[in-house]
N, C-alpha and C. Protein backbone atom coordinates (compact mmCIF):
# COMPACT_ATOMS: atom_id res chain seq x y z
N MET A 1 0.83 -1.35 0.12
CA MET A 1 -0.01 -0.05 0.08
C MET A 1 0.95 1.24 0.05
N LEU A 2 2.10 1.15 0.46
CA LEU A 2 2.87 2.57 0.76
C LEU A 2 3.36 3.02 -0.51
N SER A 3 3.89 1.61 -1.08
CA SER A 3 4.55 1.69 -2.54
C SER A 3 3.73 2.43 -3.64
N LEU A 4 2.40 2.14 -3.43
CA LEU A 4 1.29 2.42 -4.41
C LEU A 4 1.06 3.84 -4.23
N ARG A 5 1.23 4.62 -2.83
CA ARG A 5 1.15 5.75 -2.44
C ARG A 5 2.25 6.46 -2.82
N GLU A 6 3.48 5.95 -2.82
CA GLU A 6 4.69 6.74 -3.11
C GLU A 6 4.57 6.69 -4.55
N GLU A 7 4.16 5.74 -5.44
CA GLU A 7 4.27 5.89 -6.79
C GLU A 7 3.13 6.93 -7.30
N SER A 8 2.09 6.96 -6.72
CA SER A 8 0.79 7.78 -6.82
C SER A 8 1.46 9.00 -6.79
N SER A 9 1.94 9.69 -6.01
CA SER A 9 2.37 10.93 -5.56
C SER A 9 3.70 11.00 -6.66
N GLN A 10 4.38 10.22 -7.13
CA GLN A 10 5.54 10.53 -7.84
C GLN A 10 5.01 10.85 -9.24
N SER A 11 4.36 10.10 -9.47
CA SER A 11 3.39 10.40 -10.73
C SER A 11 2.85 11.58 -10.95
N GLY A 12 2.15 12.27 -9.79
CA GLY A 12 1.38 13.13 -9.77
C GLY A 12 -0.13 12.90 -10.00
N VAL A 13 -0.62 11.66 -10.03
CA VAL A 13 -1.77 11.26 -9.98
C VAL A 13 -2.40 10.72 -8.52
N GLN A 14 -3.21 11.59 -7.90
CA GLN A 14 -3.65 11.16 -6.43
C GLN A 14 -4.72 9.73 -6.79
N LEU A 15 -4.40 8.82 -6.14
CA LEU A 15 -5.47 7.74 -5.95
C LEU A 15 -6.21 7.66 -4.89
N THR A 16 -7.61 7.39 -4.45
CA THR A 16 -8.22 7.31 -3.49
C THR A 16 -7.89 6.15 -2.90
N SER A 17 -8.41 5.94 -1.43
CA SER A 17 -7.80 4.69 -0.67
C SER A 17 -8.52 3.45 -1.12
N GLU A 18 -9.63 3.72 -1.89
CA GLU A 18 -10.17 2.84 -2.45
C GLU A 18 -9.73 2.20 -3.80
N GLU A 19 -9.15 2.85 -4.27
CA GLU A 19 -8.47 2.89 -5.82
C GLU A 19 -7.08 2.04 -5.35
N MET A 20 -6.32 2.47 -4.49
CA MET A 20 -5.11 1.93 -3.94
C MET A 20 -5.64 0.12 -3.25
N SER A 21 -6.71 0.52 -2.50
CA SER A 21 -6.79 -0.98 -2.13
C SER A 21 -7.21 -1.96 -3.37
N ARG A 22 -8.04 -1.40 -4.25
CA ARG A 22 -8.13 -2.58 -5.33
C ARG A 22 -7.13 -2.92 -6.22
N LYS A 23 -6.03 -1.85 -6.12
CA LYS A 23 -4.86 -1.90 -7.20
C LYS A 23 -3.86 -3.00 -6.05
N ALA A 24 -4.03 -3.00 -4.73
CA ALA A 24 -3.07 -3.66 -4.01
C ALA A 24 -3.89 -5.26 -3.73
N LEU A 25 -5.20 -5.22 -3.28
CA LEU A 25 -5.57 -6.54 -3.26
C LEU A 25 -6.17 -7.05 -4.19
N GLY A 26 -6.68 -6.24 -5.57
CA GLY A 26 -7.58 -7.04 -6.29
C GLY A 26 -8.74 -6.93 -6.20
N LYS A 27 -9.59 -7.42 -7.11
CA LYS A 27 -11.20 -7.29 -7.23
C LYS A 27 -11.68 -8.45 -6.45
N ARG A 28 -12.21 -8.47 -5.57
CA ARG A 28 -12.39 -9.72 -4.57
C ARG A 28 -14.06 -9.44 -4.31
N LYS A 29 -14.93 -10.50 -4.41
CA LYS A 29 -16.27 -10.20 -4.07
C LYS A 29 -16.55 -10.30 -2.70
N ARG A 30 -16.01 -10.85 -1.89
CA ARG A 30 -16.04 -10.96 -0.42
C ARG A 30 -15.25 -9.96 0.48
N TYR A 31 -14.66 -9.08 -0.19
CA TYR A 31 -13.73 -8.06 0.63
C TYR A 31 -14.84 -7.10 1.04
N ILE A 32 -14.66 -6.61 2.00
CA ILE A 32 -15.94 -5.16 2.43
C ILE A 32 -14.46 -4.26 2.86
N LEU A 33 -14.56 -3.24 2.38
CA LEU A 33 -13.46 -2.24 2.88
C LEU A 33 -13.79 -1.71 4.14
N GLY A 34 -12.50 -1.87 5.00
CA GLY A 34 -12.17 -1.54 6.29
C GLY A 34 -12.58 -2.67 7.26
N PHE A 35 -13.00 -3.67 6.98
CA PHE A 35 -13.37 -5.10 7.40
C PHE A 35 -12.57 -6.15 7.33
N GLY A 36 -11.93 -6.06 6.41
CA GLY A 36 -10.92 -6.94 5.87
C GLY A 36 -11.76 -8.38 5.00
N ASP A 37 -10.82 -9.25 4.57
CA ASP A 37 -11.66 -10.40 3.94
C ASP A 37 -12.65 -11.24 5.00
N GLY A 38 -13.75 -11.18 4.49
CA GLY A 38 -14.67 -12.05 5.34
C GLY A 38 -15.86 -12.07 4.54
N LEU A 39 -17.02 -12.72 5.17
CA LEU A 39 -18.24 -13.14 4.09
C LEU A 39 -19.14 -11.70 4.10
N LYS A 40 -19.33 -11.58 2.93
CA LYS A 40 -20.38 -10.84 2.63
C LYS A 40 -21.88 -11.35 2.31
N PRO A 41 -22.84 -10.82 2.71
CA PRO A 41 -23.98 -11.65 2.26
C PRO A 41 -24.23 -11.45 0.58
N SER A 42 -24.67 -12.18 0.00
CA SER A 42 -24.93 -12.20 -1.15
C SER A 42 -26.62 -11.73 -1.49
N SER A 43 -26.43 -11.32 -2.56
CA SER A 43 -28.30 -10.43 -2.69
C SER A 43 -29.39 -11.56 -3.06
N SER A 44 -28.54 -12.60 -3.16
CA SER A 44 -30.08 -13.51 -3.60
C SER A 44 -30.27 -14.44 -2.42
N SER A 45 -29.49 -14.81 -1.72
CA SER A 45 -30.32 -16.03 -0.70
C SER A 45 -30.23 -15.32 0.88
N SER A 46 -29.55 -14.25 1.32
CA SER A 46 -29.63 -13.81 2.51
C SER A 46 -30.02 -12.49 2.67
N THR A 47 -31.04 -12.04 2.28
CA THR A 47 -31.58 -10.87 2.04
C THR A 47 -31.93 -10.64 3.64
N PRO A 48 -31.78 -9.23 4.22
CA PRO A 48 -32.23 -8.86 5.45
C PRO A 48 -33.60 -9.79 6.11
N SER A 49 -34.73 -9.27 5.29
CA SER A 49 -35.91 -9.47 5.48
C SER A 49 -35.85 -11.41 5.25
N ARG A 50 -35.57 -11.95 4.77
CA ARG A 50 -35.34 -13.60 4.47
C ARG A 50 -34.73 -13.79 6.11
N VAL A 51 -33.78 -13.22 6.16
CA VAL A 51 -33.07 -14.01 7.25
C VAL A 51 -33.91 -13.51 8.53
N SER A 52 -34.47 -12.25 9.10
CA SER A 52 -35.11 -11.79 9.99
C SER A 52 -36.25 -13.07 10.13
N GLN A 53 -37.09 -13.19 8.81
CA GLN A 53 -38.34 -14.00 9.03
C GLN A 53 -37.47 -15.60 9.55
N ASP A 54 -36.83 -16.19 8.86
CA ASP A 54 -36.12 -17.19 9.53
C ASP A 54 -36.14 -17.05 10.91
N HIS A 55 -35.38 -16.00 11.69
CA HIS A 55 -35.13 -15.98 12.84
C HIS A 55 -36.51 -15.99 13.58
N VAL A 56 -37.44 -15.21 13.03
CA VAL A 56 -38.63 -15.17 13.53
C VAL A 56 -39.47 -16.68 13.57
N GLU A 57 -39.31 -17.16 12.55
CA GLU A 57 -40.01 -18.62 12.65
C GLU A 57 -39.51 -19.53 13.58
N GLU A 58 -37.95 -19.38 13.56
CA GLU A 58 -37.25 -20.13 14.39
C GLU A 58 -37.56 -19.74 15.99
N LEU A 59 -37.82 -18.55 16.12
CA LEU A 59 -38.04 -17.80 17.81
C LEU A 59 -39.67 -18.64 17.80
N GLN A 60 -40.68 -18.29 16.82
CA GLN A 60 -41.81 -19.04 17.34
C GLN A 60 -41.85 -20.26 17.43
N LYS A 61 -41.58 -21.12 16.65
CA LYS A 61 -41.00 -22.67 17.11
C LYS A 61 -40.62 -22.77 18.20
N LEU A 62 -39.30 -22.28 18.93
CA LEU A 62 -39.01 -22.36 20.06
C LEU A 62 -39.96 -21.85 21.48
N LYS A 63 -40.28 -21.04 21.00
CA LYS A 63 -41.78 -20.51 22.01
C LYS A 63 -42.49 -21.30 22.18
N ALA A 64 -42.84 -22.11 21.20
CA ALA A 64 -44.15 -22.91 21.04
C ALA A 64 -43.37 -24.40 22.12
N GLU A 65 -42.43 -24.74 21.52
CA GLU A 65 -41.51 -25.95 22.39
C GLU A 65 -41.69 -25.43 23.73
N MET A 66 -41.33 -24.76 24.19
CA MET A 66 -41.16 -24.08 25.56
C MET A 66 -42.44 -24.33 26.22
N GLU A 67 -43.62 -23.33 25.36
CA GLU A 67 -44.86 -23.67 26.37
C GLU A 67 -45.37 -24.96 26.42
N GLU A 68 -45.06 -25.80 25.64
CA GLU A 68 -45.41 -27.22 25.78
C GLU A 68 -44.77 -27.97 26.72
N MET A 69 -43.35 -27.70 26.55
CA MET A 69 -42.79 -27.82 28.02
C MET A 69 -43.24 -27.45 29.34
N LYS A 70 -43.61 -26.29 29.37
CA LYS A 70 -44.12 -25.77 30.64
C LYS A 70 -45.45 -26.61 31.01
N MET A 71 -46.48 -26.77 29.77
CA MET A 71 -47.43 -27.75 30.16
C MET A 71 -47.46 -29.14 30.57
N GLU A 72 -46.42 -29.83 30.19
CA GLU A 72 -45.78 -30.89 30.39
C GLU A 72 -45.22 -31.02 31.80
N ARG A 73 -44.54 -30.26 32.24
CA ARG A 73 -44.04 -29.57 33.66
C ARG A 73 -45.18 -29.73 34.73
N GLU A 74 -46.25 -28.77 34.16
CA GLU A 74 -47.38 -28.40 35.20
C GLU A 74 -48.28 -29.50 35.38
N GLU A 75 -48.13 -30.48 34.41
CA GLU A 75 -49.15 -31.89 34.52
C GLU A 75 -48.04 -32.61 35.19
N LEU A 76 -47.03 -32.76 35.24
CA LEU A 76 -46.10 -33.68 36.10
C LEU A 76 -46.33 -33.24 37.43
N ARG A 77 -46.11 -31.84 37.60
CA ARG A 77 -46.43 -31.28 38.99
C ARG A 77 -47.81 -31.78 39.75
N ARG A 78 -48.88 -31.51 38.81
CA ARG A 78 -50.16 -31.89 39.21
C ARG A 78 -49.95 -33.76 39.52
N GLN A 79 -49.66 -34.36 38.90
CA GLN A 79 -49.26 -35.78 39.13
C GLN A 79 -48.86 -36.51 40.28
N LEU A 80 -47.44 -35.55 40.53
CA LEU A 80 -46.85 -35.74 42.01
C LEU A 80 -47.72 -35.16 43.10
N GLU A 81 -48.29 -34.20 42.86
CA GLU A 81 -49.06 -33.78 44.17
C GLU A 81 -50.31 -34.48 44.67
N GLN A 82 -51.01 -35.13 43.72
CA GLN A 82 -52.09 -36.02 43.76
C GLN A 82 -51.64 -37.47 44.10
N GLU A 83 -50.18 -37.90 43.68
CA GLU A 83 -49.53 -38.67 44.17
C GLU A 83 -49.32 -38.75 45.85
N ARG A 84 -48.66 -37.61 46.29
CA ARG A 84 -48.49 -37.10 47.64
C ARG A 84 -49.62 -37.32 48.55
N ARG A 85 -50.63 -36.72 47.82
CA ARG A 85 -52.26 -36.58 48.56
C ARG A 85 -52.58 -38.18 48.79
N GLU A 86 -52.34 -39.02 47.42
CA GLU A 86 -52.74 -40.28 48.27
C GLU A 86 -52.32 -41.27 49.31
N ARG A 87 -50.47 -41.00 49.02
CA ARG A 87 -49.83 -41.51 49.89
C ARG A 87 -50.19 -41.19 51.26
N GLU A 88 -50.46 -39.93 51.34
CA GLU A 88 -50.68 -39.34 52.85
C GLU A 88 -52.13 -39.81 53.51
N GLU A 89 -53.25 -40.23 52.39
CA GLU A 89 -54.08 -40.73 52.73
C GLU A 89 -53.99 -42.17 53.39
N GLU A 90 -52.93 -42.90 52.08
CA GLU A 90 -52.99 -44.32 52.87
C GLU A 90 -52.24 -44.29 54.17
N LYS A 91 -51.57 -43.60 54.44
CA LYS A 91 -50.63 -43.51 55.86
C LYS A 91 -51.35 -43.00 56.58
N LYS A 92 -52.56 -41.99 56.91
CA LYS A 92 -53.69 -41.94 57.97
C LYS A 92 -54.54 -43.13 57.82
N GLU A 93 -54.59 -43.89 56.93
CA GLU A 93 -55.51 -45.29 56.89
C GLU A 93 -54.74 -46.33 57.52
N ARG A 94 -53.53 -46.41 57.36
CA ARG A 94 -52.67 -47.56 57.96
C ARG A 94 -52.73 -47.11 59.49
N GLU A 95 -52.60 -45.82 59.72
CA GLU A 95 -52.54 -45.65 61.48
C GLU A 95 -53.66 -45.74 61.99
N GLU A 96 -54.75 -45.51 61.24
CA GLU A 96 -55.94 -46.08 62.01
C GLU A 96 -56.25 -47.43 62.12
N GLU A 97 -55.94 -48.08 61.28
CA GLU A 97 -55.78 -49.60 61.28
C GLU A 97 -55.29 -50.36 62.61
N GLN A 98 -53.70 -49.65 62.56
CA GLN A 98 -53.02 -49.95 63.85
C GLN A 98 -53.81 -49.61 65.02
N LYS A 99 -54.32 -48.31 65.13
CA LYS A 99 -55.00 -48.04 66.44
C LYS A 99 -56.06 -49.03 66.50
N GLN A 100 -56.69 -49.44 65.58
CA GLN A 100 -58.05 -50.30 65.90
C GLN A 100 -57.30 -51.59 66.06
N ILE A 101 -56.48 -52.25 65.51
CA ILE A 101 -55.96 -53.62 66.06
C ILE A 101 -55.62 -53.33 67.49
N ALA A 102 -54.91 -52.20 67.70
CA ALA A 102 -54.07 -52.23 69.10
C ALA A 102 -55.43 -52.39 70.32
N HIS A 103 -56.37 -51.37 69.68
CA HIS A 103 -57.23 -51.38 70.59
C HIS A 103 -58.10 -52.84 70.76
N LEU A 104 -58.55 -53.40 69.74
CA LEU A 104 -59.06 -54.62 69.84
C LEU A 104 -58.14 -55.68 70.53
N THR A 105 -56.56 -55.99 70.21
CA THR A 105 -55.97 -56.58 70.96
C THR A 105 -55.93 -56.30 72.50
N SER A 106 -56.15 -55.35 73.04
CA SER A 106 -56.25 -54.67 74.12
C SER A 106 -57.65 -55.49 74.64
N LEU A 107 -58.49 -55.47 74.04
CA LEU A 107 -60.07 -55.86 74.50
C LEU A 107 -59.83 -57.71 74.61
N VAL A 108 -58.98 -58.12 73.60
CA VAL A 108 -59.30 -59.55 73.86
C VAL A 108 -58.57 -60.06 74.44
N THR A 109 -57.22 -59.22 74.81
CA THR A 109 -56.51 -59.50 76.30
C THR A 109 -57.36 -59.50 77.40
N GLU A 110 -57.99 -58.51 77.46
CA GLU A 110 -58.62 -58.28 78.58
C GLU A 110 -59.84 -59.39 78.56
N PHE A 111 -60.54 -59.63 78.09
CA PHE A 111 -61.63 -60.59 77.91
C PHE A 111 -60.72 -62.11 78.29
N LEU A 112 -59.60 -62.26 77.76
CA LEU A 112 -59.28 -63.67 78.12
C LEU A 112 -58.64 -63.56 79.53
N LYS A 113 -58.29 -62.63 80.17
CA LYS A 113 -57.90 -62.29 81.42
C LYS A 113 -58.92 -62.97 82.28
N LYS A 114 -60.10 -62.05 81.78
CA LYS A 114 -61.28 -62.45 82.86
C LYS A 114 -61.97 -63.62 82.83
N LYS A 115 -61.86 -64.07 81.56
CA LYS A 115 -62.28 -65.51 81.14
C LYS A 115 -61.63 -66.53 82.00
N THR A 116 -60.31 -66.17 81.94
CA THR A 116 -59.16 -67.34 82.92
C THR A 116 -59.43 -67.17 84.03
N GLN A 117 -59.72 -66.29 84.50
CA GLN A 117 -59.94 -65.96 86.29
C GLN A 117 -61.36 -66.58 86.45
N THR A 118 -62.21 -66.51 85.95
CA THR A 118 -63.50 -66.71 85.92
C THR A 118 -63.15 -68.43 85.75
N HIS A 119 -63.10 -68.95 85.02
CA HIS A 119 -62.78 -70.28 84.65
C HIS A 119 -62.02 -70.97 86.00
N LYS A 120 -60.81 -70.46 86.19
CA LYS A 120 -59.86 -70.74 87.37
C LYS A 120 -60.78 -70.67 88.92
N SER A 121 -61.61 -69.76 88.98
CA SER A 121 -62.48 -69.75 89.99
C SER A 121 -63.57 -70.83 90.38
N SER A 122 -64.22 -71.06 89.04
CA SER A 122 -65.03 -72.51 88.82
C SER A 122 -64.45 -73.34 88.89
N ILE A 123 -62.97 -73.38 88.89
CA ILE A 123 -62.59 -74.99 88.80
C ILE A 123 -62.44 -75.28 90.36
N TYR A 124 -61.74 -74.16 91.32
CA TYR A 124 -61.35 -74.12 92.47
C TYR A 124 -62.56 -74.43 93.07
N HIS A 125 -63.95 -74.03 92.76
CA HIS A 125 -65.32 -74.08 93.43
C HIS A 125 -65.63 -75.37 93.29
N ASP A 126 -65.27 -75.68 91.91
CA ASP A 126 -65.86 -77.18 91.67
C ASP A 126 -65.18 -78.00 92.48
N ARG A 127 -63.84 -78.11 92.82
CA ARG A 127 -62.99 -79.04 93.64
C ARG A 127 -63.59 -79.08 95.21
N ALA A 128 -63.83 -77.61 95.18
CA ALA A 128 -64.06 -77.59 97.05
C ALA A 128 -65.48 -77.95 97.02
N MET A 129 -66.64 -78.13 96.23
CA MET A 129 -67.80 -78.78 96.43
C MET A 129 -67.54 -80.35 96.41
N TYR A 130 -66.76 -80.66 95.37
CA TYR A 130 -66.67 -82.47 95.20
C TYR A 130 -65.76 -82.89 96.36
N SER A 131 -65.05 -82.37 96.91
CA SER A 131 -64.06 -82.74 98.09
C SER A 131 -64.80 -82.68 99.35
N THR A 132 -66.16 -81.87 99.70
CA THR A 132 -66.59 -81.80 101.10
C THR A 132 -67.81 -82.95 100.74
N GLY A 133 -68.30 -83.28 99.92
CA GLY A 133 -69.58 -84.12 99.62
C GLY A 133 -68.50 -86.07 100.02
N GLY A 134 -69.46 -86.40 100.66
CA GLY A 134 -69.17 -87.96 100.55
C GLY A 134 -68.94 -88.76 99.54
N THR A 135 -69.77 -89.30 98.84
CA THR A 135 -69.45 -90.18 97.81
C THR A 135 -69.48 -89.67 96.60
N ASN A 136 -69.64 -88.26 96.32
CA ASN A 136 -69.34 -87.64 95.16
C ASN A 136 -67.74 -87.19 94.65
N THR A 137 -67.00 -87.55 95.78
CA THR A 137 -65.64 -87.31 95.73
C THR A 137 -65.03 -88.20 94.44
N ARG A 138 -65.56 -89.17 93.97
CA ARG A 138 -64.98 -89.78 92.80
C ARG A 138 -65.12 -89.28 91.54
N TYR A 139 -66.15 -88.28 91.62
CA TYR A 139 -66.21 -87.81 90.21
C TYR A 139 -65.87 -86.18 90.60
N MET A 140 -64.56 -85.97 91.01
CA MET A 140 -64.23 -84.92 91.03
C MET A 140 -63.44 -84.49 89.64
N VAL A 141 -63.99 -83.29 88.89
CA VAL A 141 -63.97 -83.02 87.69
C VAL A 141 -62.74 -81.85 87.58
N GLU A 142 -61.82 -82.09 86.75
CA GLU A 142 -60.84 -80.83 86.49
C GLU A 142 -60.67 -80.47 85.14
N LEU A 143 -61.26 -79.26 85.20
CA LEU A 143 -61.37 -78.51 83.74
C LEU A 143 -60.32 -77.68 83.15
């Protein structure tokens, strides 16, 4: 670039920066002055409106997916909450059943104690009655 500038000053013809760039670099389709060699959008396939439309469509698609995921998450949350309530109810039912079993067990135990005491006193009573009689002693019954 410097040699082109010196050359143009010596010849007396002043070249613009753009003209010097074209002479030095040659004519390239993808070269943008001031930004170096890089991609330059072609006019046919990547117009700004097309790119924007593609982005809008992609954004709408992502928003729809996100909304669907939110609905699925909410449904899963409802299912988990329902299962938690059912487990809580089952736990309460089991506790109530255990209380009833404990109560029935204590009633049966109490009944059997009374029955055993009544039966023992009846046996002692019967032994005493048979042992005082004369001839009935041979029929002593032990239960």
